[in-house]
Each structure stands twice: as C-alpha cells, then as structure tokens.
Amino acid sequence: MPPTKIMLIRHGEKQTAPPPAGVDENGTHDRHALTPRGWQRAGALVPFFRGQIPNASIARPTAIFASAVGDEADSPAPVVDENVGKSLRPQETVAPLSRAISVDVEMGFVVGDEAHLVQAIAALDGVVLVAWEHKHLPAIARAFSANAPEAWPGADIFDVVWVLDRRGDTYAFESVPQSLLDGDAF
C-alpha cells in the first residue's frame, strides 16, 4: 500500500556568496554544507517533525530520503548545476531528525534520478519525508498529485513543507509553512 503521507522539504540554507560559508557539523568550512542558519533549521525540524510543535498536517516520518552525493555521470537525467550533485545539505538537513527518531536516512538516489525515487516511495507504507534540491522537488510532488506546483516557490525559500496526503487513490496537496526561525517567510 502506498504511503499515507509524503512530506517534501528543501534542504536547509546554503551559501549564496562568501561569506557566509557553509560548514560541516564540526565547523569546518565546506561550500557543499549547510550555513549556520541551515544547521539551525535542521535542529528546529526535530521537534517540528516529532510533533512537539503542533501542526495537523505534519506527521512523524517512518521513512526518510535525502539525495546522495554524486555527479552528473551518476544521474540518469541531466543536472544543470554540477554542484547540486555534490551537495551535502539534504543529508545534513535531516540528520538530526534521523538520529532523534531512530529512522535511517535512505540515500540511494542522486538529484536527477527522481523517477526511481518516486518508485521507491510508492512501494512504502507509512509517512515519508524527502529532503531534496528545490528545482527537482516539483517532479517528485507531481508524480503523486496533479495539483502540486510546477515550481518551488522561490530560490530563497527554505521554510516550506509540501505535504501530500493520500485520499483513496489520489494525493491532496498542501503547502505548509514551517515558521521555525526568525525571518521565515511563511
């Protein structure tokens, strides 16, 4: 039976121009890592997805996916930005939640391989969370709901959850604000 709920998020904040630089969990500079604000968001997502911040549309995930690090050669579809495949941000965004709820992050798919990711999601039951690159999230969402947008709401939007709720054989689409950090747009 397909998942009852699929939640899609963009990875946490990234470096737009030096400074600020991305940093790994130990504070070492890495342009493919989250910025300090991205790490703040990753931490704030823990109580959000554990249900400690009440929101009827959000559920505790039973499966978590994040894009794997790869390169354009790993992707079955062309990736416009070669740095997208090198990004650690999707995994870093869900790592604190993964540890907190003891659900491993599945990283078997690279950006550009959304078709295979969709097949893997469709084969699951329960609640699925996906952290991905924003330009490729619409392909995942639209595979489940024709009502999903054709584009992410903006290049600088990191604070939205796209929620797909199964209703019989179809999925209803809802865009849910995270409202977790000061300055969140939604």
N, C-alpha and C. Protein backbone atom coordinates (compact mmCIF):
# COMPACT_ATOMS: atom_id res chain seq x y z
N MET A 1 0.85 -1.18 0.00
CA MET A 1 0.00 0.00 0.00
C MET A 1 0.89 1.24 0.00
N PRO A 2 0.62 2.23 -0.83
CA PRO A 2 1.47 3.43 -0.90
C PRO A 2 1.40 4.24 0.40
N PRO A 3 2.36 5.15 0.58
CA PRO A 3 2.41 5.94 1.82
C PRO A 3 1.10 6.72 2.06
N THR A 4 0.78 6.87 3.34
CA THR A 4 -0.39 7.67 3.71
C THR A 4 -0.09 9.15 3.60
N LYS A 5 1.18 9.50 3.77
CA LYS A 5 1.58 10.91 3.69
C LYS A 5 3.00 10.99 3.18
N ILE A 6 3.24 11.97 2.30
CA ILE A 6 4.58 12.25 1.79
C ILE A 6 4.84 13.73 2.06
N MET A 7 5.95 14.01 2.73
CA MET A 7 6.32 15.39 3.03
C MET A 7 7.64 15.69 2.33
N LEU A 8 7.66 16.79 1.59
CA LEU A 8 8.83 17.18 0.82
C LEU A 8 9.37 18.50 1.35
N ILE A 9 10.68 18.52 1.63
CA ILE A 9 11.31 19.76 2.07
C ILE A 9 12.55 20.02 1.23
N ARG A 10 12.84 21.29 1.12
CA ARG A 10 14.11 21.69 0.54
C ARG A 10 15.15 21.58 1.65
N HIS A 11 16.37 21.27 1.27
CA HIS A 11 17.45 21.26 2.26
C HIS A 11 17.54 22.63 2.95
N GLY A 12 18.22 22.69 4.07
CA GLY A 12 18.41 23.95 4.80
C GLY A 12 19.28 24.92 4.02
N GLU A 13 19.40 26.12 4.56
CA GLU A 13 20.07 27.22 3.89
C GLU A 13 21.49 26.88 3.45
N LYS A 14 21.84 27.48 2.32
CA LYS A 14 23.15 27.24 1.72
C LYS A 14 23.88 28.56 1.53
N GLN A 15 25.14 28.44 1.23
CA GLN A 15 25.99 29.59 0.95
C GLN A 15 25.56 30.21 -0.36
N THR A 16 25.32 31.52 -0.37
CA THR A 16 24.98 32.19 -1.63
C THR A 16 26.19 32.90 -2.21
N ALA A 17 27.06 33.41 -1.36
CA ALA A 17 28.32 34.02 -1.79
C ALA A 17 29.19 34.14 -0.54
N PRO A 18 30.48 33.98 -0.67
CA PRO A 18 31.29 34.09 0.53
C PRO A 18 31.34 35.54 1.02
N PRO A 19 31.38 35.79 2.33
CA PRO A 19 30.78 34.97 3.35
C PRO A 19 29.26 35.08 3.30
N PRO A 20 28.45 34.32 3.97
CA PRO A 20 28.85 33.26 4.89
C PRO A 20 29.17 31.98 4.15
N ALA A 21 30.01 31.19 4.73
CA ALA A 21 30.40 29.93 4.12
C ALA A 21 29.66 28.78 4.77
N GLY A 22 29.46 27.71 4.00
CA GLY A 22 28.91 26.51 4.58
C GLY A 22 29.92 25.89 5.53
N VAL A 23 29.41 25.17 6.53
CA VAL A 23 30.28 24.50 7.48
C VAL A 23 29.73 23.11 7.76
N ASP A 24 30.63 22.17 8.03
CA ASP A 24 30.16 20.84 8.40
C ASP A 24 29.79 20.82 9.88
N GLU A 25 29.41 19.67 10.40
CA GLU A 25 28.97 19.57 11.80
C GLU A 25 30.05 19.99 12.80
N ASN A 26 31.30 19.95 12.36
CA ASN A 26 32.41 20.32 13.25
C ASN A 26 32.86 21.76 13.06
N GLY A 27 32.18 22.50 12.17
CA GLY A 27 32.53 23.90 11.94
C GLY A 27 33.59 24.13 10.88
N THR A 28 34.00 23.08 10.19
CA THR A 28 34.99 23.21 9.12
C THR A 28 34.30 23.72 7.86
N HIS A 29 34.91 24.71 7.22
CA HIS A 29 34.32 25.29 6.01
C HIS A 29 34.18 24.25 4.91
N ASP A 30 33.01 24.23 4.29
CA ASP A 30 32.72 23.32 3.19
C ASP A 30 31.61 23.96 2.37
N ARG A 31 31.91 24.35 1.15
CA ARG A 31 30.92 25.05 0.34
C ARG A 31 29.71 24.20 -0.02
N HIS A 32 29.79 22.89 0.17
CA HIS A 32 28.67 21.99 -0.13
C HIS A 32 27.81 21.70 1.11
N ALA A 33 28.18 22.31 2.23
CA ALA A 33 27.48 22.06 3.50
C ALA A 33 26.49 23.19 3.79
N LEU A 34 25.70 22.98 4.83
CA LEU A 34 24.75 24.00 5.29
C LEU A 34 25.49 25.20 5.88
N THR A 35 24.83 26.35 5.86
CA THR A 35 25.32 27.51 6.58
C THR A 35 24.91 27.36 8.04
N PRO A 36 25.42 28.20 8.93
CA PRO A 36 24.96 28.12 10.32
C PRO A 36 23.43 28.22 10.44
N ARG A 37 22.79 29.06 9.64
CA ARG A 37 21.33 29.14 9.68
C ARG A 37 20.70 27.83 9.20
N GLY A 38 21.30 27.19 8.23
CA GLY A 38 20.82 25.89 7.78
C GLY A 38 20.90 24.84 8.87
N TRP A 39 21.98 24.88 9.66
CA TRP A 39 22.10 23.96 10.80
C TRP A 39 21.05 24.28 11.85
N GLN A 40 20.74 25.57 12.04
CA GLN A 40 19.67 25.95 12.98
C GLN A 40 18.34 25.35 12.52
N ARG A 41 18.07 25.45 11.22
CA ARG A 41 16.83 24.89 10.68
C ARG A 41 16.80 23.37 10.86
N ALA A 42 17.92 22.71 10.59
CA ALA A 42 17.97 21.26 10.76
C ALA A 42 17.63 20.87 12.19
N GLY A 43 18.15 21.61 13.15
CA GLY A 43 17.83 21.34 14.55
C GLY A 43 16.38 21.63 14.88
N ALA A 44 15.83 22.71 14.32
CA ALA A 44 14.43 23.09 14.59
C ALA A 44 13.45 22.11 13.95
N LEU A 45 13.88 21.40 12.91
CA LEU A 45 13.00 20.42 12.28
C LEU A 45 12.74 19.19 13.17
N VAL A 46 13.62 18.97 14.14
CA VAL A 46 13.45 17.80 15.02
C VAL A 46 12.13 17.89 15.78
N PRO A 47 11.89 18.92 16.60
CA PRO A 47 10.59 18.97 17.30
C PRO A 47 9.41 19.16 16.34
N PHE A 48 9.65 19.80 15.21
CA PHE A 48 8.59 20.02 14.23
C PHE A 48 8.05 18.69 13.71
N PHE A 49 8.95 17.79 13.29
CA PHE A 49 8.52 16.51 12.73
C PHE A 49 8.26 15.44 13.80
N ARG A 50 8.66 15.70 15.04
CA ARG A 50 8.33 14.78 16.13
C ARG A 50 6.97 15.10 16.74
N GLY A 51 6.33 16.17 16.28
CA GLY A 51 5.01 16.51 16.77
C GLY A 51 5.02 17.39 18.01
N GLN A 52 6.17 17.92 18.39
CA GLN A 52 6.27 18.78 19.56
C GLN A 52 5.84 20.21 19.25
N ILE A 53 5.74 20.53 17.98
CA ILE A 53 5.20 21.82 17.54
C ILE A 53 3.92 21.47 16.80
N PRO A 54 2.77 21.65 17.43
CA PRO A 54 1.51 21.16 16.86
C PRO A 54 1.22 21.70 15.46
N ASN A 55 0.97 20.79 14.55
CA ASN A 55 0.55 21.13 13.19
C ASN A 55 -0.13 19.87 12.64
N ALA A 56 -1.41 19.96 12.39
CA ALA A 56 -2.20 18.80 11.97
C ALA A 56 -1.72 18.20 10.65
N SER A 57 -1.05 18.97 9.82
CA SER A 57 -0.61 18.48 8.51
C SER A 57 0.72 17.73 8.57
N ILE A 58 1.45 17.88 9.65
CA ILE A 58 2.78 17.30 9.77
C ILE A 58 2.71 16.03 10.63
N ALA A 59 3.44 15.00 10.21
CA ALA A 59 3.46 13.73 10.94
C ALA A 59 4.90 13.27 11.11
N ARG A 60 5.10 12.42 12.08
CA ARG A 60 6.42 11.83 12.33
C ARG A 60 6.74 10.86 11.20
N PRO A 61 7.88 11.04 10.52
CA PRO A 61 8.21 10.15 9.41
C PRO A 61 8.60 8.74 9.86
N THR A 62 8.20 7.78 9.05
CA THR A 62 8.62 6.40 9.24
C THR A 62 9.71 6.02 8.24
N ALA A 63 9.92 6.88 7.24
CA ALA A 63 10.99 6.71 6.25
C ALA A 63 11.49 8.10 5.86
N ILE A 64 12.81 8.22 5.70
CA ILE A 64 13.42 9.50 5.33
C ILE A 64 14.34 9.26 4.14
N PHE A 65 14.22 10.11 3.13
CA PHE A 65 15.10 10.08 1.96
C PHE A 65 15.82 11.42 1.83
N ALA A 66 17.07 11.38 1.41
CA ALA A 66 17.84 12.57 1.07
C ALA A 66 18.69 12.22 -0.14
N SER A 67 18.91 13.20 -1.00
CA SER A 67 19.69 12.93 -2.20
C SER A 67 21.13 12.56 -1.83
N ALA A 68 21.66 11.61 -2.58
CA ALA A 68 23.03 11.16 -2.37
C ALA A 68 24.00 12.10 -3.05
N VAL A 69 25.22 12.11 -2.57
CA VAL A 69 26.28 12.86 -3.24
C VAL A 69 26.69 12.05 -4.46
N GLY A 70 26.77 12.71 -5.57
CA GLY A 70 27.17 12.06 -6.82
C GLY A 70 27.65 13.12 -7.77
N ASP A 71 27.66 12.80 -9.02
CA ASP A 71 27.95 13.81 -10.02
C ASP A 71 27.04 13.56 -11.21
N GLU A 72 27.18 14.40 -12.20
CA GLU A 72 26.27 14.30 -13.35
C GLU A 72 26.32 12.92 -13.99
N ALA A 73 27.46 12.25 -13.92
CA ALA A 73 27.57 10.92 -14.52
C ALA A 73 26.70 9.90 -13.79
N ASP A 74 26.42 10.15 -12.51
CA ASP A 74 25.59 9.24 -11.73
C ASP A 74 24.11 9.41 -12.02
N SER A 75 23.73 10.56 -12.59
CA SER A 75 22.33 10.90 -12.77
C SER A 75 21.82 10.45 -14.13
N PRO A 76 20.64 9.79 -14.16
CA PRO A 76 20.08 9.39 -15.44
C PRO A 76 19.50 10.56 -16.23
N ALA A 77 19.28 11.69 -15.56
CA ALA A 77 18.78 12.90 -16.23
C ALA A 77 19.82 14.00 -16.07
N PRO A 78 19.95 14.90 -17.04
CA PRO A 78 20.95 15.96 -16.94
C PRO A 78 20.69 16.86 -15.73
N VAL A 79 21.76 17.20 -15.03
CA VAL A 79 21.70 18.13 -13.92
C VAL A 79 22.36 19.42 -14.38
N VAL A 80 21.62 20.52 -14.31
CA VAL A 80 22.10 21.78 -14.85
C VAL A 80 23.30 22.32 -14.08
N ASP A 81 23.28 22.24 -12.76
CA ASP A 81 24.34 22.77 -11.92
C ASP A 81 25.16 21.60 -11.37
N GLU A 82 26.43 21.50 -11.77
CA GLU A 82 27.25 20.38 -11.33
C GLU A 82 27.44 20.33 -9.83
N ASN A 83 27.31 21.46 -9.13
CA ASN A 83 27.47 21.49 -7.69
C ASN A 83 26.28 20.87 -6.96
N VAL A 84 25.12 20.78 -7.60
CA VAL A 84 23.93 20.21 -6.97
C VAL A 84 24.21 18.78 -6.54
N GLY A 85 24.85 18.00 -7.37
CA GLY A 85 25.13 16.61 -7.06
C GLY A 85 26.18 16.42 -5.98
N LYS A 86 26.92 17.47 -5.66
CA LYS A 86 27.95 17.40 -4.63
C LYS A 86 27.43 17.89 -3.28
N SER A 87 26.20 18.35 -3.25
CA SER A 87 25.64 18.95 -2.04
C SER A 87 25.46 17.93 -0.91
N LEU A 88 25.91 18.31 0.25
CA LEU A 88 25.70 17.53 1.47
C LEU A 88 24.45 18.02 2.21
N ARG A 89 23.88 19.15 1.77
CA ARG A 89 22.81 19.82 2.51
C ARG A 89 21.56 18.97 2.74
N PRO A 90 21.06 18.20 1.75
CA PRO A 90 19.88 17.39 2.04
C PRO A 90 20.10 16.40 3.18
N GLN A 91 21.26 15.71 3.17
CA GLN A 91 21.54 14.75 4.24
C GLN A 91 21.71 15.46 5.58
N GLU A 92 22.43 16.59 5.57
CA GLU A 92 22.67 17.34 6.80
C GLU A 92 21.37 17.88 7.39
N THR A 93 20.44 18.25 6.53
CA THR A 93 19.16 18.82 6.99
C THR A 93 18.35 17.81 7.79
N VAL A 94 18.37 16.56 7.39
CA VAL A 94 17.56 15.54 8.08
C VAL A 94 18.36 14.68 9.06
N ALA A 95 19.67 14.87 9.13
CA ALA A 95 20.49 14.05 10.03
C ALA A 95 20.08 14.19 11.51
N PRO A 96 19.88 15.40 12.03
CA PRO A 96 19.47 15.49 13.44
C PRO A 96 18.13 14.80 13.70
N LEU A 97 17.17 14.93 12.79
CA LEU A 97 15.87 14.26 12.94
C LEU A 97 16.06 12.75 12.89
N SER A 98 16.84 12.29 11.96
CA SER A 98 17.10 10.85 11.82
C SER A 98 17.62 10.26 13.13
N ARG A 99 18.59 10.95 13.71
CA ARG A 99 19.15 10.47 14.99
C ARG A 99 18.11 10.52 16.10
N ALA A 100 17.31 11.57 16.14
CA ALA A 100 16.34 11.76 17.22
C ALA A 100 15.21 10.74 17.20
N ILE A 101 14.81 10.30 16.00
CA ILE A 101 13.68 9.38 15.91
C ILE A 101 14.10 7.96 15.51
N SER A 102 15.40 7.76 15.39
CA SER A 102 15.97 6.44 15.05
C SER A 102 15.41 5.88 13.74
N VAL A 103 15.38 6.73 12.73
CA VAL A 103 14.99 6.31 11.38
C VAL A 103 16.17 6.64 10.46
N ASP A 104 16.76 5.63 9.84
CA ASP A 104 17.89 5.85 8.95
C ASP A 104 17.48 6.65 7.73
N VAL A 105 18.42 7.44 7.23
CA VAL A 105 18.19 8.22 6.00
C VAL A 105 18.60 7.37 4.81
N GLU A 106 17.67 7.16 3.90
CA GLU A 106 17.94 6.42 2.66
C GLU A 106 18.56 7.40 1.66
N MET A 107 19.78 7.12 1.21
CA MET A 107 20.48 8.00 0.28
C MET A 107 20.88 7.23 -0.98
N GLY A 108 19.96 6.47 -1.52
CA GLY A 108 20.26 5.65 -2.68
C GLY A 108 19.97 6.31 -4.02
N PHE A 109 19.62 7.59 -4.01
CA PHE A 109 19.25 8.26 -5.25
C PHE A 109 19.94 9.62 -5.34
N VAL A 110 20.39 9.96 -6.54
CA VAL A 110 21.02 11.26 -6.77
C VAL A 110 20.01 12.22 -7.39
N VAL A 111 20.30 13.50 -7.30
CA VAL A 111 19.47 14.50 -7.97
C VAL A 111 19.47 14.18 -9.46
N GLY A 112 18.30 14.18 -10.05
CA GLY A 112 18.14 13.79 -11.45
C GLY A 112 17.55 12.40 -11.59
N ASP A 113 17.54 11.64 -10.50
CA ASP A 113 17.00 10.27 -10.51
C ASP A 113 15.67 10.22 -9.76
N GLU A 114 14.86 11.27 -9.95
CA GLU A 114 13.58 11.37 -9.25
C GLU A 114 12.62 10.25 -9.63
N ALA A 115 12.69 9.75 -10.86
CA ALA A 115 11.78 8.69 -11.28
C ALA A 115 11.96 7.43 -10.43
N HIS A 116 13.21 7.06 -10.16
CA HIS A 116 13.46 5.89 -9.32
C HIS A 116 13.12 6.17 -7.86
N LEU A 117 13.36 7.38 -7.41
CA LEU A 117 12.98 7.77 -6.05
C LEU A 117 11.47 7.63 -5.88
N VAL A 118 10.70 8.12 -6.84
CA VAL A 118 9.24 8.03 -6.78
C VAL A 118 8.80 6.58 -6.69
N GLN A 119 9.42 5.69 -7.46
CA GLN A 119 9.08 4.26 -7.40
C GLN A 119 9.34 3.70 -6.00
N ALA A 120 10.46 4.10 -5.41
CA ALA A 120 10.80 3.61 -4.06
C ALA A 120 9.81 4.13 -3.03
N ILE A 121 9.42 5.38 -3.15
CA ILE A 121 8.44 5.96 -2.22
C ILE A 121 7.10 5.25 -2.35
N ALA A 122 6.66 5.04 -3.59
CA ALA A 122 5.36 4.42 -3.85
C ALA A 122 5.27 3.01 -3.29
N ALA A 123 6.40 2.35 -3.11
CA ALA A 123 6.41 0.99 -2.60
C ALA A 123 6.34 0.92 -1.07
N LEU A 124 6.36 2.08 -0.41
CA LEU A 124 6.37 2.12 1.05
C LEU A 124 4.99 2.37 1.63
N ASP A 125 4.86 2.03 2.87
CA ASP A 125 3.67 2.35 3.66
C ASP A 125 4.11 3.34 4.72
N GLY A 126 3.18 4.07 5.31
CA GLY A 126 3.53 4.98 6.40
C GLY A 126 3.69 6.41 5.96
N VAL A 127 4.61 7.12 6.61
CA VAL A 127 4.83 8.55 6.38
C VAL A 127 6.26 8.73 5.88
N VAL A 128 6.40 9.37 4.72
CA VAL A 128 7.70 9.54 4.08
C VAL A 128 8.10 11.02 4.09
N LEU A 129 9.34 11.29 4.46
CA LEU A 129 9.92 12.63 4.39
C LEU A 129 11.06 12.59 3.38
N VAL A 130 11.08 13.58 2.48
CA VAL A 130 12.13 13.68 1.47
C VAL A 130 12.77 15.06 1.56
N ALA A 131 14.10 15.11 1.68
CA ALA A 131 14.88 16.34 1.63
C ALA A 131 15.63 16.33 0.31
N TRP A 132 15.42 17.37 -0.51
CA TRP A 132 15.93 17.34 -1.88
C TRP A 132 16.27 18.73 -2.36
N GLU A 133 16.79 18.82 -3.54
CA GLU A 133 17.12 20.08 -4.20
C GLU A 133 15.83 20.69 -4.74
N HIS A 134 15.64 22.01 -4.54
CA HIS A 134 14.34 22.63 -4.80
C HIS A 134 13.87 22.57 -6.25
N LYS A 135 14.76 22.62 -7.21
CA LYS A 135 14.33 22.60 -8.61
C LYS A 135 13.79 21.23 -9.02
N HIS A 136 14.10 20.20 -8.26
CA HIS A 136 13.68 18.83 -8.58
C HIS A 136 12.52 18.34 -7.71
N LEU A 137 12.18 19.09 -6.66
CA LEU A 137 11.05 18.70 -5.81
C LEU A 137 9.72 18.65 -6.56
N PRO A 138 9.43 19.58 -7.49
CA PRO A 138 8.15 19.51 -8.20
C PRO A 138 7.95 18.20 -8.95
N ALA A 139 9.00 17.64 -9.52
CA ALA A 139 8.86 16.36 -10.24
C ALA A 139 8.41 15.25 -9.29
N ILE A 140 8.93 15.27 -8.08
CA ILE A 140 8.52 14.27 -7.09
C ILE A 140 7.07 14.49 -6.70
N ALA A 141 6.73 15.73 -6.37
CA ALA A 141 5.36 16.05 -5.93
C ALA A 141 4.34 15.74 -7.02
N ARG A 142 4.64 16.12 -8.26
CA ARG A 142 3.68 15.95 -9.35
C ARG A 142 3.51 14.48 -9.75
N ALA A 143 4.46 13.65 -9.38
CA ALA A 143 4.30 12.21 -9.63
C ALA A 143 3.17 11.63 -8.79
N PHE A 144 2.87 12.31 -7.68
CA PHE A 144 1.82 11.84 -6.78
C PHE A 144 0.55 12.67 -6.85
N SER A 145 0.66 13.95 -7.22
CA SER A 145 -0.51 14.83 -7.24
C SER A 145 -0.43 15.81 -8.41
N ALA A 146 -1.45 15.77 -9.25
CA ALA A 146 -1.53 16.73 -10.37
C ALA A 146 -1.74 18.15 -9.86
N ASN A 147 -2.16 18.29 -8.60
CA ASN A 147 -2.37 19.62 -8.02
C ASN A 147 -1.11 20.25 -7.46
N ALA A 148 -0.02 19.52 -7.46
CA ALA A 148 1.24 20.06 -6.95
C ALA A 148 1.77 21.12 -7.92
N PRO A 149 2.46 22.13 -7.40
CA PRO A 149 3.01 23.19 -8.26
C PRO A 149 4.07 22.66 -9.22
N GLU A 150 4.26 23.39 -10.29
CA GLU A 150 5.27 23.03 -11.28
C GLU A 150 6.64 23.58 -10.91
N ALA A 151 6.70 24.44 -9.88
CA ALA A 151 7.97 25.03 -9.46
C ALA A 151 7.95 25.28 -7.95
N TRP A 152 9.12 25.21 -7.35
CA TRP A 152 9.27 25.57 -5.94
C TRP A 152 8.99 27.06 -5.82
N PRO A 153 8.48 27.54 -4.67
CA PRO A 153 8.05 28.94 -4.57
C PRO A 153 9.14 30.00 -4.72
N GLY A 154 10.40 29.65 -4.67
CA GLY A 154 11.46 30.63 -4.89
C GLY A 154 12.81 30.10 -4.49
N ALA A 155 13.86 30.64 -5.11
CA ALA A 155 15.23 30.19 -4.86
C ALA A 155 15.68 30.47 -3.43
N ASP A 156 15.05 31.44 -2.77
CA ASP A 156 15.44 31.78 -1.41
C ASP A 156 14.46 31.26 -0.36
N ILE A 157 13.59 30.33 -0.73
CA ILE A 157 12.60 29.77 0.20
C ILE A 157 13.09 28.42 0.73
N PHE A 158 13.29 28.37 2.04
CA PHE A 158 13.77 27.15 2.71
C PHE A 158 12.79 26.67 3.77
N ASP A 159 11.70 27.40 3.99
CA ASP A 159 10.85 27.19 5.15
C ASP A 159 9.44 26.70 4.83
N VAL A 160 9.34 25.82 3.85
CA VAL A 160 8.04 25.29 3.43
C VAL A 160 8.12 23.76 3.43
N VAL A 161 7.00 23.13 3.75
CA VAL A 161 6.87 21.68 3.61
C VAL A 161 5.74 21.44 2.62
N TRP A 162 6.01 20.71 1.58
CA TRP A 162 4.93 20.29 0.68
C TRP A 162 4.41 18.96 1.23
N VAL A 163 3.13 18.93 1.53
CA VAL A 163 2.51 17.75 2.12
C VAL A 163 1.54 17.13 1.12
N LEU A 164 1.70 15.84 0.90
CA LEU A 164 0.81 15.08 0.03
C LEU A 164 0.12 14.04 0.90
N ASP A 165 -1.18 14.19 1.08
CA ASP A 165 -1.98 13.27 1.89
C ASP A 165 -2.76 12.35 0.98
N ARG A 166 -2.62 11.04 1.22
CA ARG A 166 -3.35 10.08 0.39
C ARG A 166 -4.83 10.09 0.76
N ARG A 167 -5.63 10.22 -0.27
CA ARG A 167 -7.08 10.17 -0.14
C ARG A 167 -7.58 9.15 -1.16
N GLY A 168 -7.69 7.93 -0.74
CA GLY A 168 -8.06 6.86 -1.67
C GLY A 168 -6.90 6.58 -2.61
N ASP A 169 -7.15 6.76 -3.90
CA ASP A 169 -6.12 6.50 -4.92
C ASP A 169 -5.36 7.75 -5.34
N THR A 170 -5.68 8.89 -4.74
CA THR A 170 -5.02 10.15 -5.12
C THR A 170 -4.40 10.80 -3.88
N TYR A 171 -3.63 11.84 -4.14
CA TYR A 171 -3.00 12.60 -3.06
C TYR A 171 -3.45 14.05 -3.14
N ALA A 172 -3.88 14.59 -2.00
CA ALA A 172 -4.19 16.01 -1.89
C ALA A 172 -2.88 16.74 -1.61
N PHE A 173 -2.73 17.92 -2.16
CA PHE A 173 -1.51 18.71 -1.98
C PHE A 173 -1.78 19.89 -1.05
N GLU A 174 -0.81 20.16 -0.17
CA GLU A 174 -0.88 21.33 0.70
C GLU A 174 0.54 21.86 0.92
N SER A 175 0.69 23.18 0.89
CA SER A 175 1.95 23.82 1.21
C SER A 175 1.85 24.33 2.65
N VAL A 176 2.73 23.84 3.52
CA VAL A 176 2.66 24.14 4.95
C VAL A 176 3.89 24.96 5.36
N PRO A 177 3.67 26.11 5.99
CA PRO A 177 4.82 26.89 6.47
C PRO A 177 5.47 26.22 7.67
N GLN A 178 6.79 26.29 7.73
CA GLN A 178 7.48 25.77 8.91
C GLN A 178 7.40 26.77 10.06
N SER A 179 7.64 28.03 9.77
CA SER A 179 7.62 29.10 10.79
C SER A 179 8.46 28.72 12.00
N LEU A 180 9.67 28.28 11.76
CA LEU A 180 10.54 27.80 12.83
C LEU A 180 11.61 28.80 13.26
N LEU A 181 12.09 29.61 12.32
CA LEU A 181 13.18 30.54 12.61
C LEU A 181 12.74 31.97 12.37
N ASP A 182 13.34 32.88 13.12
CA ASP A 182 13.07 34.29 12.92
C ASP A 182 13.34 34.66 11.45
N GLY A 183 12.42 35.34 10.84
CA GLY A 183 12.58 35.75 9.46
C GLY A 183 12.03 34.77 8.44
N ASP A 184 11.49 33.63 8.89
CA ASP A 184 10.89 32.71 7.94
C ASP A 184 9.77 33.44 7.20
N ALA A 185 9.72 33.24 5.89
CA ALA A 185 8.78 33.97 5.04
C ALA A 185 7.34 33.49 5.18
N PHE A 186 7.16 32.24 5.56
CA PHE A 186 5.81 31.68 5.58
C PHE A 186 5.35 31.41 6.98
